[in-house]
Every structure is written in structure tokens, then in C-alpha cells.
């Protein structure tokens, strides 16, 4: 049935800014696309200096392709071929006729067997593989590569270990290398490569556009929401479910074997960064949470204040603050809790410690290392505010990020008693605030993991492999400047020691400093003859006896 609205009307003009182009010649029996062969090629750089480095990759290609004397129907030297260099390159110490690479061609059943192994075993397990990159849509359609019916892509050296032929006996192939895979078809002319991609995609090999971001190709990020535009909520939920399931299993085993059973554990978020900064801050960063980790009804809270202690106790009573279990002043901390046993008992009696931010710098000396080893660093609060109760409630309901001098930081985000949606809610709330306090933001974050104290770290996000080591230059420059500063400080210490030994004598000190500049550090010897000597002790004299006097 025809459309009555289109009757007796002219056909609509084509829309868009590009005219329609034909996809090429019509498909017939003669020009039907078909796959002719698959070519595997690998180059070994170390073979330029030592040709024996070709043996390991040669045996690996024989096992992958089946081109051996007992399989493939042809001799071994006809299967995997050695390619020789043609021109000479002095920069790479390359001479003409040197063996540098290997090549093998697959046809017939062996070709389809290799494609099946590649699609079923290698590509699904290859990390950071999102698909074969395609040129942008604006690229030329008449270039030599676009008119050749060849689809090529590269595989990293990690892909060698994923082939089943090598995985069963991986120790026999100590040297792994990457390789190029070329799908050669019978297509030629305009749009030949585009039609070749359509043919290869039928073998379940994915293709992606080069101008799109990697995160858009990830199967998890494409189907779920993102936390702070980076972390997939689906991936995070899978990791949280697996972690809680592991804890339940571990807790059931402990309840059967132990009398007291297992206690609840803390879920940690491990943040690994690319660049470590040398400064270490005593005041942690406050991270708000949707669901607080600490329950004041079951957790004892201790508040460390300035002197006098009684003034702050009256302040808490005036503002009706009842969740503070104990108030300790600085004087009491120096006196009653000065012994190690008293400080350890104080640490065990309370679950969290709050401290006035005005006395934070002296806390490491007063509390000692036991508080920091037990992850019970006191949390700074501002007791000079008018609403002290709101300030204390905010401090108790938040988690904290302590900046250390390493590349990995752990932050408490939940307990194992929380459900999976509650843990995910805390993670969604805390993660943007955590990244704000990292220098460089997301560009400096390398990976994110969640774990408990008795489990392995489960990944929830990892940066792109290509940008993993970006931006390490400033750190190296900083380390070089630090080395120069340390050398200058050491030289100044040596000069002070020389001044003490020489008694601050001017000419002698200048002589020693001149020798120090001329000689290496180990060969520096102080001339004993020029150093001020101790006065000799005179022998003890005794009075002459009367007998000697008479004589």
C-alpha cells in the first residue's frame, strides 16, 4: 500500500552536508570477499647483536601456528621463515643481510584454527584490549592502505603467554615478544579495507574508532554509571560483593574453629598514585561519608584538649555533648600517661581519639609510635567554634586520609557489617573528595582497590596502560635537587666538625678546608703536627725522704 501523502509529490531532496556515495562495485560471485591467509610477523631487536635470540620466538611461532615437521603438512624451515634486513642503519647498528625478524603464513584449516584460538582464548583475557583501532571517519578513502584489503593490528608480548600451546609449558619459552597479525583478503580498490574489516568482524574481532575515548569502549562503563566520571559502579559493586562474600566465608570458618568467633573488620580503599611527594602532614584530610563508620553508642571516644582540662569538660556539659567518653589534658598526658603501659592501656580503651588542632604538633612525641602503628592517630577538631557539638559530630561521622611519603594510601570507607549498597554509597560519596586532596587529581591516580585486613586487594579501577608512567619527570628533578641539598648539608656538618677540632683557629681552618676541596672525602687526613696538642702531663713528684736528705 502506497503512502497517500507521498502521492503526486516530488521525491524529497537528500539531506546532510555530504552527498551519498556508493559502497563500490556490487557484490558478485567473482568479487565476493574471502580471507586468503593470515600472516604473523615478529621482530626481535636483540637479534641484531646476537642471532641466537631468534630461537625462542621461532619455537613459540611454531607452536602457535602448527607449522612444524610433524604438523601443518610441510617442513619446519618452510613454515616459520627468517627475514633479513635490506638497508643498513648505522644508528641501530644494523647491517644488510642480518636476521632480525620471523614470519609465518597460515592458510586453510590452520588459519581458521588460529583465528578461533585468538578469539576464544587470547583476546578476552588480554588486559587493556578494547578492540582493533580504526582510522577516523575523516581519513582519506583513496590512500594505499585504504585501497588494500589488508587488516592488521599488533599484539603485546603479554599475549604470547595466553595461547594454550604456550601456556602449558611456558618455562620453555623464556623470551617473549610482540607480534603483528595481518588478515589478507582478495579485495582491492576503493573501500577495500572497509569491506575487509566487515569480513574480519564476522570472526568476532571488535573494532573501535581511534577518535573515541577508551572509557566508552569498556563493557562495564558503557552499561553503568560512573563515579566521578571515571570508576564504574558495576565494577565497584562486583568487587564489593566478592569481598563481603569472602568475609562471610572466612567468618564462618572462624566461628567453627574459635571460641570467640570472628570480629567485624574494616573495609579499606587503597589508592595508588604515580608520583610520591616527600612531605608528610600530621593533620589528615577529612572525607565525608554517607553512612558513618563509627557509632558513638558502641565506640568509646576520647578527647585530648589544651590545659586547663576542666574548662573543656564544662564546655561539653554546657552544650549537652554526651558521646565523649573521656577528656584528657596535655598535662595529664605528660604525667599520668607518660609510662608506656599507661599509654597502651589508653589506646586499647578507646576506639577513636579527637584532639584540639592547636596541640596537634606535639602529639607524636606525647603518644608515641603505638598509636600510629594501630592506625589510631588523633583526629584534629576546632574547639574554638561556637557550635562545638556540630564540630565533634562532623569529626565522628567522617573518615580521614593521612598523607604519607609513599605511593599507596589506605582510607577506611565501611565495615563488613554494612550491606553492599551501603558500601557503594560510601564509596560514591568519598571518592571525589579523596581525589581532590591528591596532587594532580585523576592524572596522578594509578589504581584503586578495596580490601579487608585479611583479604587480597580487589581492583575497581586502573589507569590506562599508556599513561601509567606519565609525568614522572618532576619527581626525578625533585629527587636530584634533594640530593644536592643533602650533599650541601653534609658538607656543612663536616665543616662544623673541623671547626670544633681546630679550636676555631682561622689559618689552620683555611688550610684544612683547602685540603678537603683538593682531596677526595676518604683520603682526607688531618695533619697531626698542625693540630693543637694537649698539654703533656708532668710526672708526679714526691717529696724526698729524710734518709735521702741526710745522704
Protein backbone atom coordinates (compact mmCIF):
# COMPACT_ATOMS: atom_id res chain seq x y z
CA UNK A 1 0.00 0.00 0.00
CA UNK A 2 1.46 3.34 -1.06
CA UNK A 3 1.59 6.35 1.20
CA UNK A 4 -1.25 8.75 0.25
CA UNK A 5 0.77 11.73 1.48
CA UNK A 6 3.57 10.96 -0.99
CA UNK A 7 1.25 10.59 -3.96
CA UNK A 8 1.70 13.25 -6.66
CA UNK A 9 4.55 14.80 -4.65
CA UNK A 10 8.15 15.22 -5.84
CA UNK A 11 10.75 12.98 -4.10
CA UNK A 12 12.46 14.69 -1.15
CA UNK A 13 15.95 16.05 -1.70
CA UNK A 14 18.85 14.30 0.14
CA UNK A 15 19.67 15.84 3.50
CA UNK A 16 23.03 16.34 5.15
CA UNK A 17 26.24 18.09 4.14
CA UNK A 18 27.76 15.07 2.36
CA UNK A 19 26.45 13.54 -0.82
CA UNK A 20 25.70 9.85 -0.80
CA UNK A 21 28.50 7.70 -2.21
CA UNK A 22 28.28 4.20 -3.50
CA UNK A 23 29.96 1.50 -1.46
CA UNK A 24 31.81 0.27 -4.56
CA UNK A 25 31.09 -2.40 -7.09
CA UNK A 26 28.08 -4.63 -6.50
CA UNK A 27 28.90 -7.92 -4.80
CA UNK A 28 29.00 -10.82 -7.22
CA UNK A 29 30.43 -14.31 -7.22
CA UNK A 30 33.71 -13.07 -8.69
CA UNK A 31 34.38 -10.29 -6.18
CA UNK A 32 32.88 -11.97 -3.10
CA UNK A 33 35.10 -11.08 -0.08
CA UNK A 34 37.07 -14.00 1.25
CA UNK A 35 40.01 -14.44 3.57
CA UNK A 36 43.09 -15.74 1.77
CA UNK A 37 45.73 -16.01 4.51
CA UNK A 38 46.82 -14.79 7.95
CA UNK A 39 50.39 -13.57 8.33
CA UNK A 40 52.17 -13.49 11.71
CA UNK A 41 55.28 -11.33 11.95
CA UNK A 42 57.52 -10.52 14.88
CA UNK A 43 60.76 -8.54 15.15
CA UNK A 44 63.44 -9.26 17.74
CA UNK A 45 65.63 -6.24 18.37
CA UNK A 46 68.27 -8.17 20.31
CA UNK A 47 68.89 -10.37 17.26
CA UNK A 48 70.90 -7.52 15.71
CA UNK A 49 73.77 -8.28 18.06
CA UNK A 50 73.10 -11.97 18.75
CA UNK A 51 71.14 -14.08 16.27
CA UNK A 52 70.52 -16.84 18.85
CA UNK A 53 67.76 -14.65 20.32
CA UNK A 54 65.61 -15.75 17.35
CA UNK A 55 65.37 -19.35 18.61
CA UNK A 56 62.87 -18.73 21.42
CA UNK A 57 60.34 -16.73 19.36
CA UNK A 58 60.80 -19.19 16.46
CA UNK A 59 59.78 -22.13 18.67
CA UNK A 60 56.85 -20.08 20.02
CA UNK A 61 55.59 -19.27 16.49
CA UNK A 62 55.91 -22.93 15.52
CA UNK A 63 53.80 -23.96 18.49
CA UNK A 64 51.17 -21.26 17.85
CA UNK A 65 50.85 -21.79 14.11
CA UNK A 66 51.43 -25.55 13.96
CA UNK A 67 53.95 -25.06 11.15
CA UNK A 68 56.33 -27.87 12.18
CA UNK A 69 57.65 -31.01 10.53
CA UNK A 70 55.01 -33.10 12.34
CA UNK A 71 52.08 -30.74 11.88
CA UNK A 72 50.95 -28.50 9.08
CA UNK A 73 51.96 -30.77 6.23
CA UNK A 74 55.26 -29.02 5.43
CA UNK A 75 58.81 -28.88 6.67
CA UNK A 76 59.82 -26.73 9.61
CA UNK A 77 62.16 -24.46 7.63
CA UNK A 78 59.36 -23.79 5.14
CA UNK A 79 56.84 -22.85 7.86
CA UNK A 80 58.47 -20.16 10.03
CA UNK A 81 60.78 -18.05 7.87
CA UNK A 82 63.61 -15.80 8.95
CA UNK A 83 63.51 -12.28 7.49
CA UNK A 84 66.74 -10.43 6.74
CA UNK A 85 67.35 -6.71 6.71
CA UNK A 86 67.85 -4.99 3.36
CA UNK A 87 69.24 -1.48 4.01
CA UNK A 88 71.90 -0.58 6.56
CA UNK A 89 71.21 1.71 9.52
CA UNK A 90 74.25 2.86 11.45
CA UNK A 91 72.14 4.36 14.26
CA UNK A 92 70.72 0.91 15.06
CA UNK A 93 73.96 -0.95 14.27
CA UNK A 94 72.06 -2.73 11.51
CA UNK A 95 73.91 -4.22 8.55
CA UNK A 96 72.32 -5.51 5.34
CA UNK A 97 71.55 -9.22 5.37
CA UNK A 98 71.27 -9.51 9.19
CA UNK A 99 68.45 -11.76 10.54
CA UNK A 100 66.10 -9.55 12.54
CA UNK A 101 62.54 -10.94 12.34
CA UNK A 102 60.35 -14.01 11.83
CA UNK A 103 57.34 -14.56 9.60
CA UNK A 104 54.79 -17.32 9.09
CA UNK A 105 51.77 -17.59 6.78
CA UNK A 106 48.66 -19.59 7.65
CA UNK A 107 46.17 -20.88 5.12
CA UNK A 108 43.25 -23.26 5.13
CA UNK A 109 42.25 -25.10 8.33
CA UNK A 110 45.28 -23.89 10.26
CA UNK A 111 44.25 -20.29 9.56
CA UNK A 112 40.76 -20.81 10.96
CA UNK A 113 42.13 -22.73 13.94
CA UNK A 114 44.43 -19.81 14.78
CA UNK A 115 41.54 -17.32 14.50
CA UNK A 116 39.42 -19.46 16.80
CA UNK A 117 42.23 -19.64 19.40
CA UNK A 118 42.83 -15.89 19.14
CA UNK A 119 39.16 -15.01 19.62
CA UNK A 120 38.28 -17.58 22.28
CA UNK A 121 41.39 -17.65 24.49
CA UNK A 122 43.70 -14.68 23.88
CA UNK A 123 41.69 -11.51 23.27
CA UNK A 124 39.14 -12.00 26.10
CA UNK A 125 41.96 -12.42 28.64
CA UNK A 126 44.19 -9.68 27.27
CA UNK A 127 44.16 -6.72 29.63
CA UNK A 128 43.56 -3.21 28.28
CA UNK A 129 42.39 -4.57 24.91
CA UNK A 130 39.30 -2.66 23.77
CA UNK A 131 39.38 -3.59 20.10
CA UNK A 132 41.31 -3.01 16.90
CA UNK A 133 41.58 0.74 16.33
CA UNK A 134 40.09 2.14 13.13
CA UNK A 135 41.16 5.36 11.41
CA UNK A 136 38.87 8.37 11.94
CA UNK A 137 35.95 8.86 9.60
CA UNK A 138 37.62 11.90 8.04
CA UNK A 139 40.61 9.89 6.79
CA UNK A 140 41.28 9.57 3.07
CA UNK A 141 39.48 6.79 1.18
CA UNK A 142 41.99 6.76 -1.67
CA UNK A 143 45.19 6.14 0.33
CA UNK A 144 47.19 2.97 -0.41
CA UNK A 145 46.24 1.43 2.92
CA UNK A 146 42.52 2.14 2.38
CA UNK A 147 42.58 0.54 -1.08
CA UNK A 148 44.40 -2.60 0.10
CA UNK A 149 42.22 -5.35 1.53
CA UNK A 150 44.52 -6.00 4.50
CA UNK A 151 43.51 -5.65 8.15
CA UNK A 152 46.48 -5.53 10.53
CA UNK A 153 46.88 -4.98 14.24
CA UNK A 154 49.51 -5.67 16.90
CA UNK A 155 49.55 -7.83 20.00
CA UNK A 156 51.78 -7.10 23.02
CA UNK A 157 54.25 -9.60 24.40
CA UNK A 158 51.81 -10.49 27.20
CA UNK A 159 49.58 -12.11 24.57
CA UNK A 160 52.14 -14.85 23.89
CA UNK A 161 51.61 -16.36 27.35
CA UNK A 162 47.82 -16.56 26.75
CA UNK A 163 48.00 -19.00 23.84
CA UNK A 164 47.12 -22.51 25.07
CA UNK A 165 50.02 -24.04 23.09
CA UNK A 166 52.50 -21.97 25.17
CA UNK A 167 50.60 -21.72 28.44
CA UNK A 168 51.02 -25.42 29.27
CA UNK A 169 54.82 -25.17 29.05
CA UNK A 170 55.62 -21.50 29.49
CA UNK A 171 59.05 -22.09 31.07
CA UNK A 172 60.34 -23.44 27.76
CA UNK A 173 59.87 -20.01 26.14
CA UNK A 174 61.82 -17.54 28.32
CA UNK A 175 61.91 -14.74 25.72
CA UNK A 176 58.53 -13.30 24.77
CA UNK A 177 57.92 -10.61 22.17
CA UNK A 178 55.02 -8.88 20.49
CA UNK A 179 53.78 -9.68 17.01
CA UNK A 180 51.75 -8.28 14.13
CA UNK A 181 48.71 -10.13 12.81
CA UNK A 182 47.66 -9.42 9.21
CA UNK A 183 44.40 -10.61 7.66
CA UNK A 184 44.92 -10.62 3.89
CA UNK A 185 41.77 -10.69 1.72
CA UNK A 186 41.16 -10.71 -2.03
CA UNK A 187 39.66 -7.19 -2.04
CA UNK A 188 41.28 -4.37 -3.97
CA UNK A 189 40.28 -0.82 -4.91
CA UNK A 190 38.10 1.77 -3.27
CA UNK A 191 36.65 0.90 0.17
CA UNK A 192 38.58 -2.38 0.08
CA UNK A 193 39.83 -2.03 3.65
CA UNK A 194 36.39 -1.09 4.95
CA UNK A 195 34.88 -4.19 3.39
CA UNK A 196 37.78 -6.26 4.73
CA UNK A 197 37.01 -5.03 8.25
CA UNK A 198 33.40 -6.06 7.79
CA UNK A 199 34.61 -9.54 6.82
CA UNK A 200 37.05 -9.83 9.75
CA UNK A 201 34.45 -8.57 12.22
CA UNK A 202 32.41 -11.63 11.34
CA UNK A 203 35.10 -13.66 13.17
CA UNK A 204 34.17 -11.78 16.42
CA UNK A 205 37.15 -9.41 16.32
CA UNK A 206 35.99 -5.99 17.63
CA UNK A 207 36.84 -2.65 16.00
CA UNK A 208 36.79 0.78 17.63
CA UNK A 209 37.21 4.31 16.34
CA UNK A 210 40.55 5.96 17.10
CA UNK A 211 38.99 9.32 18.00
CA UNK A 212 36.82 7.95 20.79
CA UNK A 213 37.89 7.64 24.41
CA UNK A 214 38.86 4.30 25.85
CA UNK A 215 36.32 4.50 28.65
CA UNK A 216 33.47 4.46 26.12
CA UNK A 217 34.52 1.02 24.89
CA UNK A 218 34.73 -0.60 28.29
CA UNK A 219 31.83 -3.07 28.61
CA UNK A 220 31.24 -2.12 32.25
CA UNK A 221 31.44 1.66 31.92
CA UNK A 222 29.21 1.62 28.84
CA UNK A 223 26.42 -0.18 30.74
CA UNK A 224 26.67 1.52 34.14
CA UNK A 225 27.07 4.91 35.73
CA UNK A 226 30.45 6.38 36.56
CA UNK A 227 31.71 7.61 39.92
CA UNK A 228 33.40 10.98 39.42
CA UNK A 229 33.42 10.29 35.63
CA UNK A 230 35.99 7.50 36.00
CA UNK A 231 35.06 4.50 38.17
CA UNK A 232 32.33 2.14 37.01
CA UNK A 233 29.65 1.47 39.62
CA UNK A 234 29.10 -2.01 38.21
CA UNK A 235 32.78 -2.92 38.59
CA UNK A 236 32.81 -1.49 42.12
CA UNK A 237 29.68 -3.44 43.06
CA UNK A 238 31.18 -6.68 41.74
CA UNK A 239 34.31 -6.14 43.86
CA UNK A 240 32.27 -5.24 46.97
CA UNK A 241 30.03 -8.31 46.61
CA UNK A 242 33.05 -10.59 46.20
CA UNK A 243 34.75 -9.02 49.24
CA UNK A 244 31.70 -9.37 51.50
CA UNK A 245 31.17 -12.96 50.34
CA UNK A 246 34.80 -13.80 51.14
CA UNK A 247 34.45 -12.25 54.60
CA UNK A 248 31.28 -14.25 55.36
CA UNK A 249 33.02 -17.46 54.38
CA UNK A 250 36.09 -16.59 56.44
CA UNK A 251 33.92 -15.63 59.44
CA UNK A 252 32.00 -18.92 59.27
CA UNK A 253 35.28 -20.87 59.35
CA UNK A 254 36.48 -18.89 62.38
CA UNK A 255 33.24 -19.41 64.29
CA UNK A 256 33.61 -23.17 63.88
CA UNK A 257 37.25 -23.28 64.98
CA UNK A 258 37.49 -20.44 67.54
CA UNK A 259 35.57 -19.90 70.73
CA UNK A 260 35.01 -16.15 70.42
CA UNK A 261 34.49 -16.18 66.66
CA UNK A 262 35.48 -13.53 64.15
CA UNK A 263 35.08 -9.79 64.73
CA UNK A 264 33.89 -7.22 62.27
CA UNK A 265 36.59 -5.81 60.03
CA UNK A 266 37.15 -2.50 58.30
CA UNK A 267 36.89 -2.19 54.52
CA UNK A 268 39.81 -0.15 53.20
CA UNK A 269 40.14 1.77 49.96
CA UNK A 270 43.73 1.58 48.67
CA UNK A 271 44.73 4.49 46.44
CA UNK A 272 47.97 4.04 44.46
CA UNK A 273 49.48 7.15 42.89
CA UNK A 274 52.16 7.58 40.24
CA UNK A 275 54.19 10.32 41.93
CA UNK A 276 55.09 10.27 45.63
CA UNK A 277 55.67 13.57 47.39
CA UNK A 278 58.23 13.86 50.20
CA UNK A 279 56.23 16.00 52.60
CA UNK A 280 54.31 14.30 55.40
CA UNK A 281 51.42 16.08 57.11
CA UNK A 282 50.27 15.45 60.67
CA UNK A 283 46.78 16.81 60.06
CA UNK A 284 44.72 14.34 57.98
CA UNK A 285 42.19 15.31 55.33
CA UNK A 286 38.53 14.98 56.35
CA UNK A 287 36.44 12.84 53.97
CA UNK A 288 32.63 12.94 54.45
CA UNK A 289 30.66 9.69 54.33
CA UNK A 290 27.02 8.98 53.61
CA UNK A 291 26.91 6.41 56.42
CA UNK A 292 29.30 6.94 59.38
CA UNK A 293 31.66 4.12 60.26
CA UNK A 294 31.79 4.95 63.99
CA UNK A 295 28.73 4.50 66.20
CA UNK A 296 29.12 6.59 69.40
CA UNK A 297 26.73 4.25 71.21
CA UNK A 298 29.13 1.32 70.91
CA UNK A 299 32.53 3.03 70.38
CA UNK A 300 34.37 4.87 73.15
CA UNK A 301 35.61 8.36 72.12
CA UNK A 302 38.46 10.21 73.87
CA UNK A 303 39.06 13.97 73.51
CA UNK A 304 42.56 15.44 74.06
CA UNK A 305 42.46 19.16 74.88
CA UNK A 306 44.67 22.02 75.99
CA UNK A 307 45.05 22.95 79.61
CA UNK A 308 43.03 23.50 81.72
CA UNK A 309 41.13 20.25 81.27
CA UNK A 310 38.18 21.28 83.47
CA UNK A 311 37.28 24.20 81.18
CA UNK A 312 36.54 21.89 78.25
CA UNK A 313 34.61 19.43 80.40
CA UNK A 314 32.32 22.26 81.44
CA UNK A 315 32.01 23.33 77.80
CA UNK A 316 30.85 19.85 76.76
CA UNK A 317 28.32 19.75 79.57
CA UNK A 318 27.00 23.20 78.63
CA UNK A 319 26.41 22.14 75.01
CA UNK A 320 24.94 18.76 76.00
CA UNK A 321 27.65 16.62 74.35
CA UNK A 322 27.20 13.13 75.76
CA UNK A 323 29.05 10.90 73.26
CA UNK A 324 32.53 11.88 74.52
CA UNK A 325 33.65 9.17 76.95
CA UNK A 326 36.79 10.82 78.32
CA UNK A 327 38.60 14.17 78.28
CA UNK A 328 42.38 14.21 78.73
CA UNK A 329 44.51 17.34 79.03
CA UNK A 330 48.07 17.80 77.84
CA UNK A 331 49.42 17.97 81.41
CA UNK A 332 47.70 14.74 82.31
CA UNK A 333 49.05 13.15 79.15
CA UNK A 334 52.58 14.15 80.14
CA UNK A 335 52.21 12.94 83.72
CA UNK A 336 49.78 10.08 84.28
CA UNK A 337 50.11 8.60 80.78
CA UNK A 338 53.84 9.06 80.38
CA UNK A 339 54.67 5.35 81.05
CA UNK A 340 54.39 3.06 78.07
CA UNK A 341 51.91 0.70 79.74
CA UNK A 342 49.58 3.57 80.62
CA UNK A 343 49.60 4.86 77.03
CA UNK A 344 48.97 1.38 75.64
CA UNK A 345 46.03 0.90 78.01
CA UNK A 346 44.64 4.29 76.97
CA UNK A 347 44.86 3.25 73.32
CA UNK A 348 43.05 -0.04 73.96
CA UNK A 349 40.26 1.57 75.99
CA UNK A 350 39.07 3.92 73.24
CA UNK A 351 38.16 3.38 69.62
CA UNK A 352 38.78 6.90 68.31
CA UNK A 353 40.75 9.90 69.57
CA UNK A 354 39.89 13.55 68.91
CA UNK A 355 42.42 16.28 69.62
CA UNK A 356 42.38 20.06 69.66
CA UNK A 357 44.08 21.22 66.46
CA UNK A 358 46.24 23.65 68.46
CA UNK A 359 48.16 20.79 70.12
CA UNK A 360 48.46 18.50 67.09
CA UNK A 361 52.23 19.16 66.53
CA UNK A 362 53.18 17.75 69.96
CA UNK A 363 51.04 14.62 69.70
CA UNK A 364 53.68 12.31 68.08
CA UNK A 365 56.07 12.97 70.97
CA UNK A 366 53.43 12.50 73.68
CA UNK A 367 51.59 9.49 72.28
CA UNK A 368 54.48 7.58 70.72
CA UNK A 369 54.57 5.12 67.85
CA UNK A 370 51.96 2.70 69.19
CA UNK A 371 49.06 5.00 68.25
CA UNK A 372 50.29 5.37 64.68
CA UNK A 373 51.02 1.65 64.25
CA UNK A 374 47.50 0.81 65.43
CA UNK A 375 46.00 3.34 62.94
CA UNK A 376 44.57 5.40 65.83
CA UNK A 377 46.05 8.76 65.01
CA UNK A 378 44.10 11.52 66.79
CA UNK A 379 41.69 13.46 64.59
CA UNK A 380 42.05 17.26 64.84
CA UNK A 381 38.96 19.31 65.71
CA UNK A 382 38.41 23.04 66.23
CA UNK A 383 37.24 23.65 69.79
CA UNK A 384 37.17 27.44 69.30
CA UNK A 385 33.98 27.34 67.27
CA UNK A 386 30.70 28.42 68.80
CA UNK A 387 28.92 25.17 67.95
CA UNK A 388 31.38 22.64 69.37
CA UNK A 389 28.79 19.85 69.29
CA UNK A 390 28.34 20.12 65.49
CA UNK A 391 32.13 20.15 65.03
CA UNK A 392 32.54 16.95 67.09
CA UNK A 393 29.66 15.23 65.30
CA UNK A 394 31.20 16.08 61.94
CA UNK A 395 34.55 14.67 63.06
CA UNK A 396 32.98 11.42 64.28
CA UNK A 397 30.85 10.91 61.15
CA UNK A 398 33.76 11.37 58.69
CA UNK A 399 36.69 9.25 57.63
CA UNK A 400 40.23 10.55 57.20
CA UNK A 401 43.03 10.37 54.67
CA UNK A 402 46.56 10.54 56.10
CA UNK A 403 49.14 11.75 53.61
CA UNK A 404 52.29 9.65 53.84
CA UNK A 405 55.57 9.64 51.96
CA UNK A 406 54.81 6.56 49.85
CA UNK A 407 52.76 5.85 46.75
CA UNK A 408 49.93 3.94 48.45
CA UNK A 409 47.35 5.34 50.89
CA UNK A 410 44.61 3.43 52.73
CA UNK A 411 41.31 5.03 53.77
CA UNK A 412 38.52 3.47 55.83
CA UNK A 413 35.24 3.57 53.95
CA UNK A 414 32.96 0.99 55.61
CA UNK A 415 32.62 -2.02 57.92
CA UNK A 416 31.94 -5.60 56.93
CA UNK A 417 28.57 -5.31 58.73
CA UNK A 418 27.40 -2.91 56.01
CA UNK A 419 25.42 -4.19 53.06
CA UNK A 420 26.71 -3.93 49.51
CA UNK A 421 24.57 -0.86 48.60
CA UNK A 422 25.72 0.92 51.78
CA UNK A 423 29.40 0.31 51.00
CA UNK A 424 28.84 1.50 47.42
CA UNK A 425 27.09 4.62 48.72
CA UNK A 426 30.05 5.46 50.98
CA UNK A 427 32.47 4.84 48.11
CA UNK A 428 30.48 7.12 45.80
CA UNK A 429 30.48 9.89 48.41
CA UNK A 430 34.12 9.62 49.49
CA UNK A 431 35.95 9.02 46.20
CA UNK A 432 35.53 12.54 44.68
CA UNK A 433 36.75 14.13 47.93
CA UNK A 434 39.75 11.79 48.09
CA UNK A 435 40.86 12.66 44.57
CA UNK A 436 40.60 16.39 45.34
CA UNK A 437 43.30 16.02 48.01
CA UNK A 438 45.70 14.17 45.66
CA UNK A 439 48.14 16.42 43.85
CA UNK A 440 47.44 16.10 40.15
CA UNK A 441 43.93 14.68 40.55
CA UNK A 442 42.96 11.72 38.41
CA UNK A 443 46.07 12.11 36.25
CA UNK A 444 48.20 11.11 39.25
CA UNK A 445 45.99 8.17 40.33
CA UNK A 446 47.30 4.81 39.14
CA UNK A 447 44.80 2.29 40.60
CA UNK A 448 42.04 1.82 43.18
CA UNK A 449 41.48 -1.35 45.22
CA UNK A 450 39.28 -2.38 48.14
CA UNK A 451 40.26 -4.91 50.77
CA UNK A 452 39.98 -6.00 54.38
CA UNK A 453 42.85 -6.76 56.73
CA UNK A 454 42.64 -10.48 55.91
CA UNK A 455 41.88 -10.47 52.18
CA UNK A 456 43.56 -9.68 48.90
CA UNK A 457 43.07 -6.31 47.22
CA UNK A 458 40.29 -6.37 44.63
CA UNK A 459 40.66 -3.84 41.78
CA UNK A 460 37.87 -1.41 40.99
CA UNK A 461 39.75 0.96 38.65
CA UNK A 462 43.10 1.16 36.88
CA UNK A 463 44.53 3.88 34.68
CA UNK A 464 45.30 3.40 31.01
CA UNK A 465 48.44 1.38 30.37
CA UNK A 466 49.83 4.05 28.07
CA UNK A 467 49.57 6.81 30.69
CA UNK A 468 50.72 4.75 33.66
CA UNK A 469 54.22 6.25 33.76
CA UNK A 470 53.36 9.74 32.51
CA UNK A 471 54.57 12.73 34.46
CA UNK A 472 57.49 11.18 36.30
CA UNK A 473 59.92 13.93 35.22
CA UNK A 474 59.17 16.42 38.02
CA UNK A 475 59.71 13.72 40.64
CA UNK A 476 63.14 12.88 39.25
CA UNK A 477 64.08 16.56 39.20
CA UNK A 478 62.87 16.92 42.75
CA UNK A 479 64.94 13.92 43.84
CA UNK A 480 68.01 15.41 42.14
CA UNK A 481 67.54 18.72 43.94
CA UNK A 482 67.09 16.85 47.22
CA UNK A 483 70.37 15.00 46.65
CA UNK A 484 72.13 18.33 46.08
CA UNK A 485 70.63 19.74 49.27
CA UNK A 486 71.68 16.66 51.25
CA UNK A 487 75.24 16.94 49.89
CA UNK A 488 75.44 20.61 50.89
CA UNK A 489 74.12 19.79 54.38
CA UNK A 490 76.68 17.03 54.78
CA UNK A 491 79.49 19.36 53.72
CA UNK A 492 78.32 21.93 56.26
CA UNK A 493 78.37 19.30 59.01
CA UNK A 494 81.94 18.33 58.11
CA UNK A 495 82.99 21.98 58.29
CA UNK A 496 81.46 22.32 61.75
CA UNK A 497 83.36 19.25 62.95
CA UNK A 498 86.61 20.74 61.60
CA UNK A 499 85.96 23.99 63.47
CA UNK A 500 85.50 22.11 66.72
CA UNK A 501 88.68 20.07 66.23
CA UNK A 502 90.85 23.01 65.22
CA UNK A 503 89.68 25.20 68.07
CA UNK A 504 88.21 27.76 65.63
CA UNK A 505 91.71 28.86 64.51
CA UNK A 506 91.49 30.85 61.29
CA UNK A 507 94.64 29.95 59.27
CA UNK A 508 94.53 26.29 60.26
CA UNK A 509 90.85 26.01 59.35
CA UNK A 510 91.51 27.55 55.94
CA UNK A 511 94.34 25.07 55.40
CA UNK A 512 92.13 22.09 56.21
CA UNK A 513 89.26 23.33 54.06
CA UNK A 514 91.66 23.78 51.16
CA UNK A 515 92.89 20.21 51.56
CA UNK A 516 89.31 19.00 51.75
CA UNK A 517 88.47 20.64 48.41
CA UNK A 518 91.55 19.15 46.72
CA UNK A 519 91.38 15.60 48.10
CA UNK A 520 88.54 13.06 47.91
CA UNK A 521 86.49 12.54 51.03
CA UNK A 522 88.08 9.22 52.02
CA UNK A 523 91.66 10.46 51.54
CA UNK A 524 91.22 13.47 53.80
CA UNK A 525 93.65 13.24 56.72
CA UNK A 526 94.13 15.86 59.34
CA UNK A 527 97.85 16.74 59.83
CA UNK A 528 98.56 15.85 63.43
CA UNK A 529 101.53 18.20 63.61
CA UNK A 530 99.35 21.22 62.82
CA UNK A 531 96.51 20.33 65.21
CA UNK A 532 96.56 21.87 68.70
CA UNK A 533 98.07 19.28 71.01
CA UNK A 534 97.04 18.57 74.57
CA UNK A 535 99.47 19.80 77.19
CA UNK A 536 101.64 16.99 78.43
CA UNK A 537 101.04 15.84 81.95
CA UNK A 538 104.13 16.31 84.08
CA UNK A 539 105.36 13.29 86.05
CA UNK A 540 104.21 13.24 89.63
CA UNK A 541 106.90 14.39 92.07
CA UNK A 542 107.19 13.04 95.56
CA UNK A 543 108.98 14.78 98.46
CA UNK A 544 112.40 13.44 99.29
CA UNK A 545 112.63 11.28 102.32
CA UNK A 546 114.70 12.28 105.29
CA UNK A 547 117.09 9.45 104.59
CA UNK A 548 117.79 10.80 101.14
CA UNK A 549 118.14 14.28 102.56
CA UNK A 550 120.69 13.06 105.10
CA UNK A 551 122.63 11.41 102.35
